[in-house]
Amino acid sequence: MSHEEDREQTSSQVSALPSQSEVREEPVYTRWPTCGFWWRAVAHSFDTAVISTITSVGFLLFLFMFGESFFQEIITQAQNSGGEAENNLSGMQVAFSTLGSFLSVALLLLYGVGSEGSSRSATPGKLLMGLRVATEDGQPLLYSDAFVRNLYKHLLLVVGGVLGLVIAPLSLSSPLLGGIVAIVTAIALILLFIYTIIDPLLAVFSSKNQTLHDRWSYSIVVKKPGVNRWLRLLLTLFAIFLLFAGQATLVTAIAFSQLQNLTPKYMEQFEMNAEGMDFSDTDPFGGAPLPRG
């Protein structure tokens, strides 16, 4: 065979091969079995503990930096009399309630979307239990997929937080309108609460172990083969205990130290106010003046 014929045969073979763009890799998680309800419940419990710890640490930082001035403002407003002081106090409560609702929703979405949309395709709890989240055809989730999935997953808290942002200002500006919206919101939250209970239980009856938010977001949760999950279960439960015990200890310690700093100041202020009051003519049980003579 001549060199020219050899070249022609080689070039024909190369042209017959599919191009790199035409070659499609097998989906990453196609051969992984889907995960049932209980392993997912353990992973979710760990994620809840992590989110709770983050929230507690944020509260501690706020208490440590602004605790004294915050409680001083509340006590000062409560000691004042008149409608203006009550409105100021209500406005401050509304502001903190609105901020708390927004931060809670943002933290949940950031935690879930950032974890499941990353290259690891799992939250820390799922990683501990050897689980991954994938699309129904076995591909890793994109961040857009993870956002939709977590939106459906935390639908109660998301809708509740958004409605809280609406109700709080309305109740302060128009009590009647705020009351009507609050009633409608209560009905909506009851329905969403029922959805929150039914959602994970559907994984028990689904052939692919899909919850309702899995179906709506076209996703599945799969198990990594060759993982000893019973050993990981013990480690995860111990980690959950440590997280809750640690945050309870920190919250108690910081709150107690702040109260210790505040109590002497306001006890002194209370004693100074009490010294200027005359209780000699007052009945301690009813407050009515006592008869003289």
C-alpha atoms as a PDB file:
ATOM      1  CA  MET A   1       0.000   0.000   0.000  1.00  0.00           C
ATOM      2  CA  SER A   2       1.410   3.366  -0.963  1.00  0.00           C
ATOM      3  CA  HIS A   3       1.800   6.266   1.423  1.00  0.00           C
ATOM      4  CA  GLU A   4      -0.907   8.224  -0.387  1.00  0.00           C
ATOM      5  CA  GLU A   5      -3.450   5.419   0.015  1.00  0.00           C
ATOM      6  CA  ASP A   6      -2.495   5.055   3.682  1.00  0.00           C
ATOM      7  CA  ARG A   7      -3.095   8.775   4.257  1.00  0.00           C
ATOM      8  CA  GLU A   8      -6.465   8.686   2.534  1.00  0.00           C
ATOM      9  CA  GLN A   9      -7.575   5.688   4.624  1.00  0.00           C
ATOM     10  CA  THR A  10      -6.417   7.357   7.871  1.00  0.00           C
ATOM     11  CA  SER A  11      -8.153  10.631   7.015  1.00  0.00           C
ATOM     12  CA  SER A  12     -11.379   8.772   6.183  1.00  0.00           C
ATOM     13  CA  GLN A  13     -11.257   6.964   9.531  1.00  0.00           C
ATOM     14  CA  VAL A  14     -10.660  10.205  11.413  1.00  0.00           C
ATOM     15  CA  SER A  15     -13.517  11.941   9.601  1.00  0.00           C
ATOM     16  CA  ALA A  16     -15.795   9.037  10.487  1.00  0.00           C
ATOM     17  CA  LEU A  17     -15.150   9.558  14.219  1.00  0.00           C
ATOM     18  CA  PRO A  18     -17.624  11.834  16.062  1.00  0.00           C
ATOM     19  CA  SER A  19     -16.375  15.282  16.873  1.00  0.00           C
ATOM     20  CA  GLN A  20     -15.742  16.355  20.462  1.00  0.00           C
ATOM     21  CA  SER A  21     -18.941  18.373  20.480  1.00  0.00           C
ATOM     22  CA  GLU A  22     -20.929  15.306  19.415  1.00  0.00           C
ATOM     23  CA  VAL A  23     -19.517  13.064  22.178  1.00  0.00           C
ATOM     24  CA  ARG A  24     -21.826  13.206  25.224  1.00  0.00           C
ATOM     25  CA  GLU A  25     -20.584  11.946  28.541  1.00  0.00           C
ATOM     26  CA  GLU A  26     -22.763   9.634  30.558  1.00  0.00           C
ATOM     27  CA  PRO A  27     -24.615  11.547  33.291  1.00  0.00           C
ATOM     28  CA  VAL A  28     -22.669  11.535  36.540  1.00  0.00           C
ATOM     29  CA  TYR A  29     -25.324  10.127  38.864  1.00  0.00           C
ATOM     30  CA  THR A  30     -27.201   7.799  36.466  1.00  0.00           C
ATOM     31  CA  ARG A  31     -26.014   4.609  38.149  1.00  0.00           C
ATOM     32  CA  TRP A  32     -26.476   5.861  41.714  1.00  0.00           C
ATOM     33  CA  PRO A  33     -29.624   4.584  43.493  1.00  0.00           C
ATOM     34  CA  THR A  34     -32.162   7.115  44.705  1.00  0.00           C
ATOM     35  CA  CYS A  35     -32.315   7.933  48.405  1.00  0.00           C
ATOM     36  CA  GLY A  36     -35.295   7.233  50.659  1.00  0.00           C
ATOM     37  CA  PHE A  37     -36.976   9.313  53.320  1.00  0.00           C
ATOM     38  CA  TRP A  38     -34.990   8.466  56.459  1.00  0.00           C
ATOM     39  CA  TRP A  39     -31.443   9.162  55.235  1.00  0.00           C
ATOM     40  CA  ARG A  40     -32.668  12.460  53.838  1.00  0.00           C
ATOM     41  CA  ALA A  41     -34.302  13.267  57.175  1.00  0.00           C
ATOM     42  CA  VAL A  42     -30.976  12.781  58.980  1.00  0.00           C
ATOM     43  CA  ALA A  43     -29.180  15.024  56.480  1.00  0.00           C
ATOM     44  CA  HIS A  44     -31.916  17.644  56.796  1.00  0.00           C
ATOM     45  CA  SER A  45     -31.604  17.574  60.595  1.00  0.00           C
ATOM     46  CA  PHE A  46     -27.905  18.328  60.355  1.00  0.00           C
ATOM     47  CA  ASP A  47     -28.528  21.173  57.903  1.00  0.00           C
ATOM     48  CA  THR A  48     -31.150  22.576  60.279  1.00  0.00           C
ATOM     49  CA  ALA A  49     -28.617  22.477  63.107  1.00  0.00           C
ATOM     50  CA  VAL A  50     -26.046  24.286  60.970  1.00  0.00           C
ATOM     51  CA  ILE A  51     -28.508  27.020  59.945  1.00  0.00           C
ATOM     52  CA  SER A  52     -29.654  27.383  63.547  1.00  0.00           C
ATOM     53  CA  THR A  53     -26.037  27.741  64.660  1.00  0.00           C
ATOM     54  CA  ILE A  54     -25.362  30.416  62.044  1.00  0.00           C
ATOM     55  CA  THR A  55     -28.481  32.293  63.180  1.00  0.00           C
ATOM     56  CA  SER A  56     -27.439  32.027  66.829  1.00  0.00           C
ATOM     57  CA  VAL A  57     -23.935  33.270  66.095  1.00  0.00           C
ATOM     58  CA  GLY A  58     -25.411  36.218  64.197  1.00  0.00           C
ATOM     59  CA  PHE A  59     -27.681  36.989  67.140  1.00  0.00           C
ATOM     60  CA  LEU A  60     -24.717  36.778  69.516  1.00  0.00           C
ATOM     61  CA  LEU A  61     -22.684  39.179  67.413  1.00  0.00           C
ATOM     62  CA  PHE A  62     -25.594  41.606  67.323  1.00  0.00           C
ATOM     63  CA  LEU A  63     -26.101  41.261  71.073  1.00  0.00           C
ATOM     64  CA  PHE A  64     -22.404  41.720  71.761  1.00  0.00           C
ATOM     65  CA  MET A  65     -22.064  44.848  69.592  1.00  0.00           C
ATOM     66  CA  PHE A  66     -25.459  46.538  70.029  1.00  0.00           C
ATOM     67  CA  GLY A  67     -27.119  44.702  72.899  1.00  0.00           C
ATOM     68  CA  GLU A  68     -26.773  47.362  75.575  1.00  0.00           C
ATOM     69  CA  SER A  69     -27.973  50.252  73.415  1.00  0.00           C
ATOM     70  CA  PHE A  70     -30.780  48.124  71.942  1.00  0.00           C
ATOM     71  CA  PHE A  71     -32.213  47.068  75.301  1.00  0.00           C
ATOM     72  CA  GLN A  72     -31.697  50.537  76.701  1.00  0.00           C
ATOM     73  CA  GLU A  73     -33.842  51.960  73.895  1.00  0.00           C
ATOM     74  CA  ILE A  74     -36.569  49.371  74.510  1.00  0.00           C
ATOM     75  CA  ILE A  75     -36.655  50.021  78.261  1.00  0.00           C
ATOM     76  CA  THR A  76     -36.637  53.781  77.747  1.00  0.00           C
ATOM     77  CA  GLN A  77     -39.540  53.570  75.305  1.00  0.00           C
ATOM     78  CA  ALA A  78     -41.458  51.281  77.636  1.00  0.00           C
ATOM     79  CA  GLN A  79     -40.994  53.657  80.586  1.00  0.00           C
ATOM     80  CA  ASN A  80     -42.314  56.646  78.677  1.00  0.00           C
ATOM     81  CA  SER A  81     -46.000  57.371  78.512  1.00  0.00           C
ATOM     82  CA  GLY A  82     -48.153  58.591  75.656  1.00  0.00           C
ATOM     83  CA  GLY A  83     -49.105  57.385  72.220  1.00  0.00           C
ATOM     84  CA  GLU A  84     -45.960  58.708  70.586  1.00  0.00           C
ATOM     85  CA  ALA A  85     -43.724  56.467  72.653  1.00  0.00           C
ATOM     86  CA  GLU A  86     -45.912  53.459  71.892  1.00  0.00           C
ATOM     87  CA  ASN A  87     -45.772  54.221  68.173  1.00  0.00           C
ATOM     88  CA  ASN A  88     -41.994  54.549  68.310  1.00  0.00           C
ATOM     89  CA  LEU A  89     -41.705  51.229  70.115  1.00  0.00           C
ATOM     90  CA  SER A  90     -44.068  49.554  67.652  1.00  0.00           C
ATOM     91  CA  GLY A  91     -42.108  50.970  64.744  1.00  0.00           C
ATOM     92  CA  MET A  92     -38.891  49.592  66.171  1.00  0.00           C
ATOM     93  CA  GLN A  93     -40.475  46.163  66.641  1.00  0.00           C
ATOM     94  CA  VAL A  94     -41.783  46.212  63.069  1.00  0.00           C
ATOM     95  CA  ALA A  95     -38.361  47.161  61.727  1.00  0.00           C
ATOM     96  CA  PHE A  96     -36.609  44.319  63.529  1.00  0.00           C
ATOM     97  CA  SER A  97     -39.364  41.853  62.592  1.00  0.00           C
ATOM     98  CA  THR A  98     -39.054  42.834  58.926  1.00  0.00           C
ATOM     99  CA  LEU A  99     -35.279  42.605  59.015  1.00  0.00           C
ATOM    100  CA  GLY A 100     -35.436  39.212  60.749  1.00  0.00           C
ATOM    101  CA  SER A 101     -37.848  37.822  58.140  1.00  0.00           C
ATOM    102  CA  PHE A 102     -35.679  39.003  55.270  1.00  0.00           C
ATOM    103  CA  LEU A 103     -32.458  37.628  56.757  1.00  0.00           C
ATOM    104  CA  SER A 104     -34.043  34.238  57.561  1.00  0.00           C
ATOM    105  CA  VAL A 105     -35.293  33.740  54.002  1.00  0.00           C
ATOM    106  CA  ALA A 106     -32.016  34.968  52.513  1.00  0.00           C
ATOM    107  CA  LEU A 107     -29.985  32.615  54.716  1.00  0.00           C
ATOM    108  CA  LEU A 108     -32.081  29.567  53.812  1.00  0.00           C
ATOM    109  CA  LEU A 109     -31.866  30.213  50.080  1.00  0.00           C
ATOM    110  CA  LEU A 110     -28.185  31.104  50.167  1.00  0.00           C
ATOM    111  CA  TYR A 111     -27.345  27.958  52.121  1.00  0.00           C
ATOM    112  CA  GLY A 112     -29.353  25.591  49.922  1.00  0.00           C
ATOM    113  CA  VAL A 113     -28.653  27.142  46.529  1.00  0.00           C
ATOM    114  CA  GLY A 114     -24.966  27.690  47.231  1.00  0.00           C
ATOM    115  CA  SER A 115     -24.489  24.089  48.386  1.00  0.00           C
ATOM    116  CA  GLU A 116     -26.596  22.160  45.872  1.00  0.00           C
ATOM    117  CA  GLY A 117     -25.621  24.318  42.914  1.00  0.00           C
ATOM    118  CA  SER A 118     -21.902  23.904  43.599  1.00  0.00           C
ATOM    119  CA  SER A 119     -19.649  21.213  42.160  1.00  0.00           C
ATOM    120  CA  ARG A 120     -20.408  18.952  45.148  1.00  0.00           C
ATOM    121  CA  SER A 121     -24.163  19.030  44.460  1.00  0.00           C
ATOM    122  CA  ALA A 122     -25.065  18.642  48.128  1.00  0.00           C
ATOM    123  CA  THR A 123     -25.574  20.502  51.378  1.00  0.00           C
ATOM    124  CA  PRO A 124     -23.177  19.689  54.257  1.00  0.00           C
ATOM    125  CA  GLY A 125     -25.761  17.316  55.737  1.00  0.00           C
ATOM    126  CA  LYS A 126     -26.094  15.399  52.476  1.00  0.00           C
ATOM    127  CA  LEU A 127     -22.320  15.252  52.099  1.00  0.00           C
ATOM    128  CA  LEU A 128     -22.033  13.692  55.549  1.00  0.00           C
ATOM    129  CA  MET A 129     -24.582  11.032  54.636  1.00  0.00           C
ATOM    130  CA  GLY A 130     -23.085  10.379  51.189  1.00  0.00           C
ATOM    131  CA  LEU A 131     -26.008  11.885  49.260  1.00  0.00           C
ATOM    132  CA  ARG A 132     -26.108  14.089  46.167  1.00  0.00           C
ATOM    133  CA  VAL A 133     -28.811  16.121  44.406  1.00  0.00           C
ATOM    134  CA  ALA A 134     -29.162  15.715  40.646  1.00  0.00           C
ATOM    135  CA  THR A 135     -31.573  16.340  37.816  1.00  0.00           C
ATOM    136  CA  GLU A 136     -33.909  13.522  36.802  1.00  0.00           C
ATOM    137  CA  ASP A 137     -31.525  12.524  33.991  1.00  0.00           C
ATOM    138  CA  GLY A 138     -28.579  12.259  36.397  1.00  0.00           C
ATOM    139  CA  GLN A 139     -26.804  15.569  35.775  1.00  0.00           C
ATOM    140  CA  PRO A 140     -25.552  17.884  38.556  1.00  0.00           C
ATOM    141  CA  LEU A 141     -27.791  20.828  39.347  1.00  0.00           C
ATOM    142  CA  LEU A 142     -27.127  24.274  37.980  1.00  0.00           C
ATOM    143  CA  TYR A 143     -27.546  27.217  40.337  1.00  0.00           C
ATOM    144  CA  SER A 144     -30.834  28.049  38.630  1.00  0.00           C
ATOM    145  CA  ASP A 145     -32.049  24.482  39.243  1.00  0.00           C
ATOM    146  CA  ALA A 146     -30.966  24.665  42.872  1.00  0.00           C
ATOM    147  CA  PHE A 147     -32.759  27.982  43.325  1.00  0.00           C
ATOM    148  CA  VAL A 148     -36.068  26.594  42.027  1.00  0.00           C
ATOM    149  CA  ARG A 149     -35.690  23.456  44.131  1.00  0.00           C
ATOM    150  CA  ASN A 150     -35.001  25.356  47.368  1.00  0.00           C
ATOM    151  CA  LEU A 151     -37.778  27.824  46.630  1.00  0.00           C
ATOM    152  CA  TYR A 152     -40.292  24.964  46.565  1.00  0.00           C
ATOM    153  CA  LYS A 153     -38.597  23.233  49.495  1.00  0.00           C
ATOM    154  CA  HIS A 154     -38.847  26.248  51.820  1.00  0.00           C
ATOM    155  CA  LEU A 155     -42.112  27.528  50.401  1.00  0.00           C
ATOM    156  CA  LEU A 156     -43.691  28.047  53.825  1.00  0.00           C
ATOM    157  CA  LEU A 157     -40.812  30.128  55.167  1.00  0.00           C
ATOM    158  CA  VAL A 158     -40.311  32.041  51.924  1.00  0.00           C
ATOM    159  CA  VAL A 159     -43.973  33.002  51.593  1.00  0.00           C
ATOM    160  CA  GLY A 160     -44.216  33.664  55.321  1.00  0.00           C
ATOM    161  CA  GLY A 161     -41.170  35.928  55.204  1.00  0.00           C
ATOM    162  CA  VAL A 162     -42.449  37.839  52.181  1.00  0.00           C
ATOM    163  CA  LEU A 163     -45.878  38.268  53.752  1.00  0.00           C
ATOM    164  CA  GLY A 164     -44.184  39.406  56.941  1.00  0.00           C
ATOM    165  CA  LEU A 165     -42.502  42.164  54.983  1.00  0.00           C
ATOM    166  CA  VAL A 166     -45.957  43.285  53.780  1.00  0.00           C
ATOM    167  CA  ILE A 167     -48.004  42.834  56.951  1.00  0.00           C
ATOM    168  CA  ALA A 168     -45.646  44.569  59.355  1.00  0.00           C
ATOM    169  CA  PRO A 169     -45.743  48.029  57.689  1.00  0.00           C
ATOM    170  CA  LEU A 170     -49.493  47.694  56.939  1.00  0.00           C
ATOM    171  CA  SER A 171     -50.384  46.882  60.532  1.00  0.00           C
ATOM    172  CA  LEU A 172     -48.520  49.983  61.661  1.00  0.00           C
ATOM    173  CA  SER A 173     -50.004  52.371  59.082  1.00  0.00           C
ATOM    174  CA  SER A 174     -53.541  50.953  58.827  1.00  0.00           C
ATOM    175  CA  PRO A 175     -54.644  48.529  61.571  1.00  0.00           C
ATOM    176  CA  LEU A 176     -57.845  47.573  59.704  1.00  0.00           C
ATOM    177  CA  LEU A 177     -56.106  46.777  56.425  1.00  0.00           C
ATOM    178  CA  GLY A 178     -53.292  45.079  58.299  1.00  0.00           C
ATOM    179  CA  GLY A 179     -55.826  42.911  60.149  1.00  0.00           C
ATOM    180  CA  ILE A 180     -57.522  41.806  56.915  1.00  0.00           C
ATOM    181  CA  VAL A 181     -54.199  40.947  55.324  1.00  0.00           C
ATOM    182  CA  ALA A 182     -53.181  39.105  58.497  1.00  0.00           C
ATOM    183  CA  ILE A 183     -56.310  36.895  58.323  1.00  0.00           C
ATOM    184  CA  VAL A 184     -55.669  36.045  54.668  1.00  0.00           C
ATOM    185  CA  THR A 185     -52.035  35.371  55.515  1.00  0.00           C
ATOM    186  CA  ALA A 186     -53.004  33.052  58.371  1.00  0.00           C
ATOM    187  CA  ILE A 187     -55.160  30.959  56.006  1.00  0.00           C
ATOM    188  CA  ALA A 188     -52.357  30.841  53.433  1.00  0.00           C
ATOM    189  CA  LEU A 189     -49.807  29.791  56.068  1.00  0.00           C
ATOM    190  CA  ILE A 190     -52.101  27.005  57.303  1.00  0.00           C
ATOM    191  CA  LEU A 191     -52.316  25.622  53.758  1.00  0.00           C
ATOM    192  CA  LEU A 192     -48.561  25.945  53.344  1.00  0.00           C
ATOM    193  CA  PHE A 193     -48.020  24.190  56.666  1.00  0.00           C
ATOM    194  CA  ILE A 194     -50.070  21.252  55.385  1.00  0.00           C
ATOM    195  CA  TYR A 195     -47.936  21.299  52.220  1.00  0.00           C
ATOM    196  CA  THR A 196     -44.772  21.261  54.358  1.00  0.00           C
ATOM    197  CA  ILE A 197     -45.976  18.106  56.143  1.00  0.00           C
ATOM    198  CA  ILE A 198     -47.094  16.282  52.988  1.00  0.00           C
ATOM    199  CA  ASP A 199     -44.071  17.288  50.886  1.00  0.00           C
ATOM    200  CA  PRO A 200     -41.366  15.031  52.430  1.00  0.00           C
ATOM    201  CA  LEU A 201     -43.775  12.132  53.064  1.00  0.00           C
ATOM    202  CA  LEU A 202     -44.348  11.698  49.314  1.00  0.00           C
ATOM    203  CA  ALA A 203     -40.803  10.330  49.071  1.00  0.00           C
ATOM    204  CA  VAL A 204     -42.067   7.187  50.825  1.00  0.00           C
ATOM    205  CA  PHE A 205     -44.637   6.483  48.107  1.00  0.00           C
ATOM    206  CA  SER A 206     -42.652   7.602  45.051  1.00  0.00           C
ATOM    207  CA  SER A 207     -40.836   5.102  42.826  1.00  0.00           C
ATOM    208  CA  LYS A 208     -37.894   7.508  42.607  1.00  0.00           C
ATOM    209  CA  ASN A 209     -38.188   8.592  46.258  1.00  0.00           C
ATOM    210  CA  GLN A 210     -39.125  12.088  45.126  1.00  0.00           C
ATOM    211  CA  THR A 211     -40.729  14.632  47.387  1.00  0.00           C
ATOM    212  CA  LEU A 212     -43.158  17.180  46.006  1.00  0.00           C
ATOM    213  CA  HIS A 213     -40.453  19.823  45.662  1.00  0.00           C
ATOM    214  CA  ASP A 214     -38.301  17.237  43.875  1.00  0.00           C
ATOM    215  CA  ARG A 215     -41.030  16.615  41.307  1.00  0.00           C
ATOM    216  CA  TRP A 216     -41.729  20.287  40.738  1.00  0.00           C
ATOM    217  CA  SER A 217     -38.036  21.038  40.237  1.00  0.00           C
ATOM    218  CA  TYR A 218     -37.348  17.827  38.212  1.00  0.00           C
ATOM    219  CA  SER A 219     -34.672  16.684  40.652  1.00  0.00           C
ATOM    220  CA  ILE A 220     -33.749  13.545  42.600  1.00  0.00           C
ATOM    221  CA  VAL A 221     -31.574  12.726  45.602  1.00  0.00           C
ATOM    222  CA  VAL A 222     -29.170   9.823  45.060  1.00  0.00           C
ATOM    223  CA  LYS A 223     -26.932   7.732  47.308  1.00  0.00           C
ATOM    224  CA  LYS A 224     -23.219   7.322  46.730  1.00  0.00           C
ATOM    225  CA  PRO A 225     -22.446   3.594  46.439  1.00  0.00           C
ATOM    226  CA  GLY A 226     -20.100   1.931  48.926  1.00  0.00           C
ATOM    227  CA  VAL A 227     -20.784   4.267  51.853  1.00  0.00           C
ATOM    228  CA  ASN A 228     -21.316   2.986  55.403  1.00  0.00           C
ATOM    229  CA  ARG A 229     -24.293   5.181  56.285  1.00  0.00           C
ATOM    230  CA  TRP A 230     -24.912   3.609  59.681  1.00  0.00           C
ATOM    231  CA  LEU A 231     -21.502   4.790  60.864  1.00  0.00           C
ATOM    232  CA  ARG A 232     -22.154   8.184  59.304  1.00  0.00           C
ATOM    233  CA  LEU A 233     -25.517   8.268  61.049  1.00  0.00           C
ATOM    234  CA  LEU A 234     -23.844   8.024  64.458  1.00  0.00           C
ATOM    235  CA  LEU A 235     -21.294  10.700  63.555  1.00  0.00           C
ATOM    236  CA  THR A 236     -24.005  12.996  62.193  1.00  0.00           C
ATOM    237  CA  LEU A 237     -26.199  12.631  65.289  1.00  0.00           C
ATOM    238  CA  PHE A 238     -23.207  13.390  67.504  1.00  0.00           C
ATOM    239  CA  ALA A 239     -22.395  16.467  65.394  1.00  0.00           C
ATOM    240  CA  ILE A 240     -26.018  17.650  65.673  1.00  0.00           C
ATOM    241  CA  PHE A 241     -25.842  17.305  69.455  1.00  0.00           C
ATOM    242  CA  LEU A 242     -22.601  19.285  69.597  1.00  0.00           C
ATOM    243  CA  LEU A 243     -24.016  22.075  67.424  1.00  0.00           C
ATOM    244  CA  PHE A 244     -27.191  22.527  69.473  1.00  0.00           C
ATOM    245  CA  ALA A 245     -25.366  22.212  72.796  1.00  0.00           C
ATOM    246  CA  GLY A 246     -22.719  24.708  71.719  1.00  0.00           C
ATOM    247  CA  GLN A 247     -25.149  27.333  70.523  1.00  0.00           C
ATOM    248  CA  ALA A 248     -27.338  26.964  73.628  1.00  0.00           C
ATOM    249  CA  THR A 249     -24.295  27.477  75.843  1.00  0.00           C
ATOM    250  CA  LEU A 250     -23.113  30.509  73.880  1.00  0.00           C
ATOM    251  CA  VAL A 251     -26.534  32.172  73.775  1.00  0.00           C
ATOM    252  CA  THR A 252     -27.046  31.652  77.509  1.00  0.00           C
ATOM    253  CA  ALA A 253     -23.587  32.932  78.399  1.00  0.00           C
ATOM    254  CA  ILE A 254     -23.760  36.077  76.259  1.00  0.00           C
ATOM    255  CA  ALA A 255     -27.331  36.910  77.246  1.00  0.00           C
ATOM    256  CA  PHE A 256     -26.531  36.456  80.940  1.00  0.00           C
ATOM    257  CA  SER A 257     -23.446  38.675  80.701  1.00  0.00           C
ATOM    258  CA  GLN A 258     -25.441  41.397  78.937  1.00  0.00           C
ATOM    259  CA  LEU A 259     -28.184  41.260  81.557  1.00  0.00           C
ATOM    260  CA  GLN A 260     -25.576  41.489  84.292  1.00  0.00           C
ATOM    261  CA  ASN A 261     -24.255  44.682  82.727  1.00  0.00           C
ATOM    262  CA  LEU A 262     -27.710  46.172  82.303  1.00  0.00           C
ATOM    263  CA  THR A 263     -29.305  45.212  85.633  1.00  0.00           C
ATOM    264  CA  PRO A 264     -27.221  47.442  87.997  1.00  0.00           C
ATOM    265  CA  LYS A 265     -27.816  50.519  85.831  1.00  0.00           C
ATOM    266  CA  TYR A 266     -31.573  50.150  85.674  1.00  0.00           C
ATOM    267  CA  MET A 267     -31.911  49.040  89.294  1.00  0.00           C
ATOM    268  CA  GLU A 268     -30.108  52.233  90.265  1.00  0.00           C
ATOM    269  CA  GLN A 269     -32.406  54.260  88.016  1.00  0.00           C
ATOM    270  CA  PHE A 270     -35.468  52.541  89.492  1.00  0.00           C
ATOM    271  CA  GLU A 271     -34.290  53.279  93.052  1.00  0.00           C
ATOM    272  CA  MET A 272     -33.715  56.927  92.162  1.00  0.00           C
ATOM    273  CA  ASN A 273     -37.245  57.164  90.762  1.00  0.00           C
ATOM    274  CA  ALA A 274     -38.665  55.404  93.796  1.00  0.00           C
ATOM    275  CA  GLU A 275     -36.969  57.818  96.207  1.00  0.00           C
ATOM    276  CA  GLY A 276     -38.893  60.710  94.703  1.00  0.00           C
ATOM    277  CA  MET A 277     -42.284  59.030  95.202  1.00  0.00           C
ATOM    278  CA  ASP A 278     -44.363  59.096  98.397  1.00  0.00           C
ATOM    279  CA  PHE A 279     -46.210  55.837  99.136  1.00  0.00           C
ATOM    280  CA  SER A 280     -47.345  56.782 102.633  1.00  0.00           C
ATOM    281  CA  ASP A 281     -50.903  57.670 101.563  1.00  0.00           C
ATOM    282  CA  THR A 282     -51.362  54.767  99.158  1.00  0.00           C
ATOM    283  CA  ASP A 283     -53.049  51.457  99.829  1.00  0.00           C
ATOM    284  CA  PRO A 284     -50.514  48.817  98.649  1.00  0.00           C
ATOM    285  CA  PHE A 285     -53.346  46.550  97.510  1.00  0.00           C
ATOM    286  CA  GLY A 286     -55.611  48.903  95.640  1.00  0.00           C
ATOM    287  CA  GLY A 287     -53.706  52.119  95.188  1.00  0.00           C
ATOM    288  CA  ALA A 288     -56.495  54.164  96.792  1.00  0.00           C
ATOM    289  CA  PRO A 289     -55.664  56.823  99.386  1.00  0.00           C
ATOM    290  CA  LEU A 290     -55.855  55.553 102.969  1.00  0.00           C
ATOM    291  CA  PRO A 291     -58.185  57.338 105.425  1.00  0.00           C
ATOM    292  CA  ARG A 292     -56.407  59.537 107.918  1.00  0.00           C
ATOM    293  CA  GLY A 293     -57.139  59.877 111.671  1.00  0.00           C
END
